[in-house]
Structure formats: C-alpha cells, structure tokens
C-alpha cells in the first residue's frame, strides 16, 4: 500500500527533525551558558540577570487610588497621581526634627599589654 510507505517516510523525517531540534537546542543553551559565565567572570551582575531571563517579562498593569478613593488603571492617570503623591511628600514640613542632646562620655583606659599576654596565656592553658 502507498499509505504505509508514506507514513513510514513521515515518521523517519519526523525523527530526523526532532533529533536536529534537540541538537540545536543543546547548542543554543551551551552558547547562552557561555555568555552568562563570561558576564559572571566580568562582574556584570545586571547584564547577567538580563541574560538569564528568557521569554517576555511581565508588564506591570498596575492600579492606584486617587485621594478620593477612586481606582485608576489608565497609565496617564497613574502617572499624574504619582506626581501628586510625590509633591505631597515634599511639601510636608521638613523642619520637624527632634533635638539630640549630647552626653558627656568618659574614655575608657586603653588595654594594657600585660593583661593581653595574661589572657592569651590562660587560653593556651585551657587548650
């Protein structure tokens, strides 16, 4: 039958394709590892992190609340709200601080050489 020979040929081609795909994937991963190792040796931690991450990064689709409690999901409104929030932070009274009172400290006497030698001798006796 023609169909049996056809499907045998298809299976054989499929096996060859899968073998080639595995080989290409292995070569790709080896190359990626080599690049990561080079970045690690050079101390490029930021680049190293970017090289390790594969696929698409998740886009932050955030939400923020207005002063009135409404939820904003549009990018422009979120940016405006962040601007308002940071301006509010900087408008706060910066003159409120607590006064630090200095205390009088007495300096301890320095360690005598004889006391250090005695302590080392005692440690040797214990061992």
N, C-alpha and C. Protein backbone atom coordinates (compact mmCIF):
# COMPACT_ATOMS: atom_id res chain seq x y z
N UNK A 1 0.83 -1.19 0.00
CA UNK A 1 0.00 0.00 0.00
C UNK A 1 0.87 1.25 0.00
N UNK A 2 0.37 2.27 -0.66
CA UNK A 2 1.11 3.53 -0.73
C UNK A 2 1.11 4.26 0.61
N UNK A 3 0.04 4.19 1.35
CA UNK A 3 -0.06 4.94 2.60
C UNK A 3 0.91 4.43 3.65
N UNK A 4 1.18 3.12 3.68
CA UNK A 4 2.11 2.58 4.66
C UNK A 4 3.53 3.10 4.41
N UNK A 5 3.95 3.12 3.18
CA UNK A 5 5.26 3.64 2.83
C UNK A 5 5.37 5.14 3.09
N UNK A 6 4.26 5.83 2.85
CA UNK A 6 4.23 7.27 3.08
C UNK A 6 4.39 7.58 4.57
N UNK A 7 3.65 6.89 5.42
CA UNK A 7 3.72 7.16 6.86
C UNK A 7 5.05 6.72 7.46
N UNK A 8 5.65 5.72 6.91
CA UNK A 8 6.98 5.31 7.37
C UNK A 8 8.00 6.40 7.06
N UNK A 9 7.85 6.98 5.87
CA UNK A 9 8.73 8.08 5.47
C UNK A 9 8.51 9.30 6.37
N UNK A 10 7.25 9.58 6.68
CA UNK A 10 6.92 10.72 7.55
C UNK A 10 7.52 10.51 8.93
N UNK A 11 7.39 9.30 9.51
CA UNK A 11 7.95 9.02 10.83
C UNK A 11 9.47 9.18 10.82
N UNK A 12 10.10 8.72 9.75
CA UNK A 12 11.55 8.83 9.64
C UNK A 12 11.98 10.30 9.57
N UNK A 13 11.29 11.09 8.77
CA UNK A 13 11.59 12.52 8.68
C UNK A 13 11.32 13.23 10.00
N UNK A 14 10.22 12.85 10.64
CA UNK A 14 9.88 13.45 11.94
C UNK A 14 10.99 13.17 12.96
N UNK A 15 11.50 11.94 12.98
CA UNK A 15 12.59 11.59 13.88
C UNK A 15 13.85 12.40 13.60
N UNK A 16 14.17 12.58 12.32
CA UNK A 16 15.34 13.39 11.96
C UNK A 16 15.17 14.84 12.40
N UNK A 17 13.96 15.36 12.20
CA UNK A 17 13.68 16.75 12.59
C UNK A 17 13.81 16.91 14.10
N UNK A 18 13.23 15.98 14.86
CA UNK A 18 13.30 16.06 16.31
C UNK A 18 14.73 15.96 16.81
N UNK A 19 15.52 15.09 16.18
CA UNK A 19 16.94 14.96 16.55
C UNK A 19 17.68 16.27 16.30
N UNK A 20 17.41 16.90 15.17
CA UNK A 20 18.06 18.17 14.83
C UNK A 20 17.63 19.28 15.80
N UNK A 21 16.35 19.27 16.17
CA UNK A 21 15.85 20.28 17.11
C UNK A 21 16.54 20.13 18.46
N UNK A 22 16.67 18.89 18.96
CA UNK A 22 17.34 18.66 20.24
C UNK A 22 18.79 19.12 20.18
N UNK A 23 19.47 18.84 19.08
CA UNK A 23 20.87 19.24 18.91
C UNK A 23 20.99 20.77 18.88
N UNK A 24 20.11 21.43 18.13
CA UNK A 24 20.14 22.89 18.06
C UNK A 24 19.83 23.51 19.42
N UNK A 25 18.89 22.93 20.16
CA UNK A 25 18.55 23.45 21.48
C UNK A 25 19.73 23.32 22.43
N UNK A 26 20.41 22.18 22.36
CA UNK A 26 21.58 21.96 23.21
C UNK A 26 22.68 22.98 22.87
N UNK A 27 22.93 23.21 21.58
CA UNK A 27 23.94 24.19 21.17
C UNK A 27 23.55 25.60 21.63
N UNK A 28 22.26 25.93 21.52
CA UNK A 28 21.78 27.24 21.95
C UNK A 28 22.01 27.43 23.45
N UNK A 29 21.67 26.41 24.24
CA UNK A 29 21.84 26.51 25.69
C UNK A 29 23.31 26.58 26.08
N UNK A 30 24.17 25.84 25.37
CA UNK A 30 25.61 25.92 25.65
C UNK A 30 26.12 27.32 25.39
N UNK A 31 25.70 27.93 24.28
CA UNK A 31 26.13 29.29 23.94
C UNK A 31 25.63 30.29 24.98
N UNK A 32 24.38 30.12 25.40
CA UNK A 32 23.80 31.00 26.41
C UNK A 32 24.56 30.87 27.73
N UNK A 33 24.92 29.65 28.11
CA UNK A 33 25.69 29.43 29.34
C UNK A 33 27.06 30.08 29.24
N UNK A 34 27.67 29.99 28.08
CA UNK A 34 28.99 30.59 27.89
C UNK A 34 28.92 32.11 28.08
N UNK A 35 27.88 32.73 27.52
CA UNK A 35 27.71 34.18 27.67
C UNK A 35 27.47 34.54 29.13
N UNK A 36 26.65 33.76 29.81
CA UNK A 36 26.34 34.02 31.23
C UNK A 36 27.61 33.89 32.07
N UNK A 37 28.42 32.87 31.80
CA UNK A 37 29.66 32.68 32.55
C UNK A 37 30.63 33.83 32.31
N UNK A 38 30.70 34.34 31.08
CA UNK A 38 31.57 35.49 30.79
C UNK A 38 31.12 36.71 31.58
N UNK A 39 29.82 36.97 31.60
CA UNK A 39 29.31 38.12 32.35
C UNK A 39 29.57 37.95 33.84
N UNK A 40 29.45 36.73 34.33
CA UNK A 40 29.71 36.48 35.75
C UNK A 40 31.17 36.72 36.08
N UNK A 41 32.09 36.27 35.21
CA UNK A 41 33.52 36.48 35.45
C UNK A 41 33.87 37.96 35.44
N UNK A 42 33.20 38.73 34.59
CA UNK A 42 33.49 40.17 34.48
C UNK A 42 32.78 40.99 35.55
N UNK A 43 31.90 40.34 36.32
CA UNK A 43 31.22 41.04 37.42
C UNK A 43 30.04 41.87 36.95
N UNK A 44 29.51 41.60 35.81
CA UNK A 44 28.37 42.35 35.28
C UNK A 44 27.07 41.70 35.77
N UNK A 45 26.70 42.00 36.97
CA UNK A 45 25.56 41.32 37.58
C UNK A 45 24.25 41.73 36.92
N UNK A 46 24.10 43.00 36.53
CA UNK A 46 22.87 43.44 35.87
C UNK A 46 22.69 42.78 34.53
N UNK A 47 23.77 42.74 33.73
CA UNK A 47 23.71 42.08 32.43
C UNK A 47 23.49 40.58 32.62
N UNK A 48 24.10 40.03 33.64
CA UNK A 48 23.95 38.60 33.93
C UNK A 48 22.49 38.26 34.16
N UNK A 49 21.83 39.10 34.96
CA UNK A 49 20.42 38.88 35.26
C UNK A 49 19.58 38.94 33.98
N UNK A 50 19.87 39.91 33.10
CA UNK A 50 19.13 40.04 31.86
C UNK A 50 19.36 38.84 30.94
N UNK A 51 20.57 38.30 30.92
CA UNK A 51 20.88 37.17 30.06
C UNK A 51 20.19 35.89 30.54
N UNK A 52 19.99 35.78 31.84
CA UNK A 52 19.37 34.58 32.39
C UNK A 52 17.87 34.57 32.12
N UNK A 53 17.26 35.74 32.19
CA UNK A 53 15.81 35.82 31.99
C UNK A 53 15.50 35.50 30.53
N UNK A 54 14.58 34.58 30.32
CA UNK A 54 14.15 34.25 28.96
C UNK A 54 12.66 34.50 28.85
N UNK A 55 12.21 34.70 27.65
CA UNK A 55 10.81 34.95 27.42
C UNK A 55 10.46 36.41 27.69
N UNK A 56 9.18 36.69 27.58
CA UNK A 56 8.73 38.06 27.79
C UNK A 56 8.62 38.35 29.27
N UNK A 57 8.97 39.57 29.62
CA UNK A 57 8.80 39.98 31.01
C UNK A 57 7.36 40.45 31.19
N UNK A 58 6.88 40.26 32.38
CA UNK A 58 5.52 40.66 32.69
C UNK A 58 5.44 42.18 32.73
N UNK A 59 4.50 42.72 32.01
CA UNK A 59 4.29 44.16 32.01
C UNK A 59 3.42 44.50 33.21
N UNK A 60 3.84 45.51 33.95
CA UNK A 60 3.11 45.90 35.14
C UNK A 60 1.86 46.66 34.74
N UNK A 61 0.74 46.04 34.93
CA UNK A 61 -0.54 46.71 34.68
C UNK A 61 -1.10 47.06 36.04
N UNK A 62 -0.60 48.12 36.61
CA UNK A 62 -0.93 48.47 37.97
C UNK A 62 -2.21 49.25 38.11
N UNK A 63 -2.49 49.51 39.35
CA UNK A 63 -3.66 50.29 39.71
C UNK A 63 -3.28 51.13 40.90
N UNK A 64 -3.81 52.33 40.96
CA UNK A 64 -3.53 53.23 42.07
C UNK A 64 -4.81 53.95 42.43
N UNK A 65 -4.91 54.37 43.67
CA UNK A 65 -6.12 55.05 44.11
C UNK A 65 -5.89 56.55 44.18
N UNK A 66 -6.92 57.29 43.83
CA UNK A 66 -6.86 58.74 43.96
C UNK A 66 -7.07 59.11 45.42
N UNK A 67 -6.94 60.40 45.71
CA UNK A 67 -7.19 60.85 47.08
C UNK A 67 -8.62 60.56 47.50
N UNK A 68 -9.54 60.60 46.53
CA UNK A 68 -10.95 60.37 46.81
C UNK A 68 -11.29 58.89 46.92
N UNK A 69 -10.33 58.02 46.59
CA UNK A 69 -10.56 56.59 46.72
C UNK A 69 -10.94 55.90 45.42
N UNK A 70 -10.97 56.65 44.31
CA UNK A 70 -11.26 56.04 43.01
C UNK A 70 -10.04 55.29 42.51
N UNK A 71 -10.28 54.19 41.81
CA UNK A 71 -9.18 53.39 41.26
C UNK A 71 -8.83 53.88 39.86
N UNK A 72 -7.53 54.10 39.65
CA UNK A 72 -7.04 54.48 38.33
C UNK A 72 -6.26 53.32 37.74
N UNK A 73 -6.58 52.96 36.51
CA UNK A 73 -5.84 51.92 35.82
C UNK A 73 -5.18 52.45 34.54
N UNK A 74 -5.60 53.63 34.09
CA UNK A 74 -5.01 54.21 32.89
C UNK A 74 -3.62 54.75 33.22
N UNK A 75 -2.70 54.53 32.31
CA UNK A 75 -1.30 54.90 32.53
C UNK A 75 -1.15 56.40 32.81
N UNK A 76 -1.84 57.24 32.03
CA UNK A 76 -1.70 58.69 32.21
C UNK A 76 -2.19 59.13 33.59
N UNK A 77 -3.32 58.60 34.02
CA UNK A 77 -3.86 58.98 35.33
C UNK A 77 -2.96 58.47 36.46
N UNK A 78 -2.36 57.29 36.28
CA UNK A 78 -1.45 56.75 37.30
C UNK A 78 -0.23 57.65 37.43
N UNK A 79 0.32 58.09 36.30
CA UNK A 79 1.49 58.98 36.33
C UNK A 79 1.16 60.29 37.02
N UNK A 80 0.01 60.86 36.70
CA UNK A 80 -0.40 62.12 37.33
C UNK A 80 -0.57 61.94 38.83
N UNK A 81 -1.17 60.80 39.24
CA UNK A 81 -1.37 60.56 40.68
C UNK A 81 -0.04 60.38 41.40
N UNK A 82 0.92 59.68 40.78
CA UNK A 82 2.24 59.54 41.40
C UNK A 82 2.91 60.90 41.55
N UNK A 83 2.74 61.75 40.55
CA UNK A 83 3.32 63.09 40.62
C UNK A 83 2.72 63.86 41.80
N UNK A 84 1.40 63.79 41.93
CA UNK A 84 0.74 64.46 43.06
C UNK A 84 1.24 63.91 44.39
N UNK A 85 1.36 62.61 44.47
CA UNK A 85 1.79 61.97 45.71
C UNK A 85 3.20 62.41 46.10
N UNK A 86 4.12 62.42 45.15
CA UNK A 86 5.49 62.82 45.48
C UNK A 86 5.56 64.30 45.84
N UNK A 87 4.76 65.12 45.18
CA UNK A 87 4.73 66.54 45.55
C UNK A 87 4.22 66.73 46.97
N UNK A 88 3.23 65.92 47.36
CA UNK A 88 2.71 65.99 48.72
C UNK A 88 3.80 65.61 49.73
N UNK A 89 4.59 64.62 49.40
CA UNK A 89 5.67 64.21 50.30
C UNK A 89 6.67 65.33 50.51
N UNK A 90 7.01 66.03 49.45
CA UNK A 90 7.99 67.10 49.56
C UNK A 90 7.43 68.36 50.19
N UNK A 91 6.12 68.52 50.17
CA UNK A 91 5.51 69.70 50.77
C UNK A 91 5.43 69.60 52.29
N UNK A 92 5.56 68.40 52.82
CA UNK A 92 5.46 68.22 54.27
C UNK A 92 6.53 69.04 54.97
N UNK A 93 6.22 69.42 56.18
CA UNK A 93 7.13 70.26 56.96
C UNK A 93 8.43 69.51 57.26
N UNK A 94 9.49 70.01 56.70
CA UNK A 94 10.79 69.37 56.91
C UNK A 94 11.50 69.91 58.15
N UNK A 95 10.90 70.89 58.80
CA UNK A 95 11.55 71.49 59.97
C UNK A 95 11.25 70.74 61.26
N UNK A 96 10.41 69.76 61.19
CA UNK A 96 10.11 68.99 62.39
C UNK A 96 11.20 67.95 62.60
N UNK A 97 11.96 68.16 63.62
CA UNK A 97 13.03 67.22 63.96
C UNK A 97 13.19 67.22 65.47
N UNK A 98 13.73 66.17 65.95
CA UNK A 98 13.95 66.08 67.38
C UNK A 98 15.37 66.53 67.68
N UNK A 99 15.49 67.24 68.75
CA UNK A 99 16.79 67.76 69.12
C UNK A 99 17.57 66.69 69.87
N UNK A 100 18.80 66.51 69.47
CA UNK A 100 19.65 65.50 70.08
C UNK A 100 20.50 66.17 71.14
N UNK A 101 20.45 65.62 72.32
CA UNK A 101 21.26 66.18 73.39
C UNK A 101 22.54 65.38 73.50
N UNK A 102 23.65 66.10 73.57
CA UNK A 102 24.93 65.42 73.69
C UNK A 102 25.16 65.01 75.13
N UNK A 103 25.70 63.83 75.28
CA UNK A 103 26.02 63.34 76.61
C UNK A 103 27.53 63.35 76.77
N UNK A 104 27.94 63.54 77.99
CA UNK A 104 29.37 63.52 78.27
C UNK A 104 29.81 62.07 78.43
N UNK A 105 30.79 61.70 77.67
CA UNK A 105 31.32 60.34 77.73
C UNK A 105 32.74 60.37 78.28
N UNK A 106 33.02 59.37 79.06
CA UNK A 106 34.39 59.25 79.55
C UNK A 106 35.08 58.15 78.76
N UNK A 107 36.30 58.40 78.38
CA UNK A 107 37.02 57.43 77.59
C UNK A 107 37.58 56.35 78.51
N UNK A 108 37.42 55.12 78.07
CA UNK A 108 37.92 54.01 78.86
C UNK A 108 39.43 53.95 78.74
N UNK A 109 40.07 53.44 79.78
CA UNK A 109 41.53 53.32 79.67
C UNK A 109 41.91 52.27 78.63
N UNK A 110 43.04 52.48 77.98
CA UNK A 110 43.47 51.53 76.96
C UNK A 110 43.90 50.22 77.62
N UNK A 111 43.86 49.15 76.83
CA UNK A 111 44.18 47.83 77.33
C UNK A 111 45.69 47.72 77.53
N UNK A 112 46.05 47.17 78.67
CA UNK A 112 47.48 47.04 78.96
C UNK A 112 48.03 45.77 78.31
N UNK A 113 49.27 45.83 77.89
CA UNK A 113 49.93 44.72 77.23
C UNK A 113 50.00 43.50 78.15
N UNK A 114 50.22 43.73 79.40
CA UNK A 114 50.34 42.62 80.34
C UNK A 114 49.01 41.86 80.48
N UNK A 115 47.89 42.57 80.41
CA UNK A 115 46.59 41.91 80.52
C UNK A 115 46.31 41.06 79.29
N UNK A 116 46.72 41.54 78.10
CA UNK A 116 46.54 40.77 76.88
C UNK A 116 47.38 39.50 76.94
N UNK A 117 48.62 39.63 77.39
CA UNK A 117 49.50 38.47 77.49
C UNK A 117 48.94 37.45 78.48
N UNK A 118 48.41 37.93 79.60
CA UNK A 118 47.83 37.05 80.60
C UNK A 118 46.63 36.29 80.04
N UNK A 119 45.77 37.01 79.27
CA UNK A 119 44.59 36.38 78.68
C UNK A 119 45.00 35.32 77.67
N UNK A 120 46.02 35.60 76.87
CA UNK A 120 46.49 34.60 75.89
C UNK A 120 47.09 33.39 76.61
N UNK A 121 47.80 33.62 77.68
CA UNK A 121 48.40 32.51 78.44
C UNK A 121 47.29 31.62 79.01
N UNK A 122 46.20 32.25 79.51
CA UNK A 122 45.09 31.49 80.08
C UNK A 122 44.38 30.66 79.02
N UNK A 123 44.25 31.22 77.82
CA UNK A 123 43.61 30.49 76.71
C UNK A 123 44.45 29.27 76.34
N UNK A 124 45.78 29.43 76.32
CA UNK A 124 46.67 28.33 75.99
C UNK A 124 46.56 27.23 77.04
N UNK A 125 46.38 27.61 78.30
CA UNK A 125 46.27 26.63 79.37
C UNK A 125 45.00 25.81 79.25
N UNK A 126 43.94 26.41 78.73
CA UNK A 126 42.68 25.70 78.59
C UNK A 126 42.74 24.68 77.44
N UNK A 127 43.50 24.98 76.43
CA UNK A 127 43.59 24.08 75.25
C UNK A 127 44.51 22.94 75.47
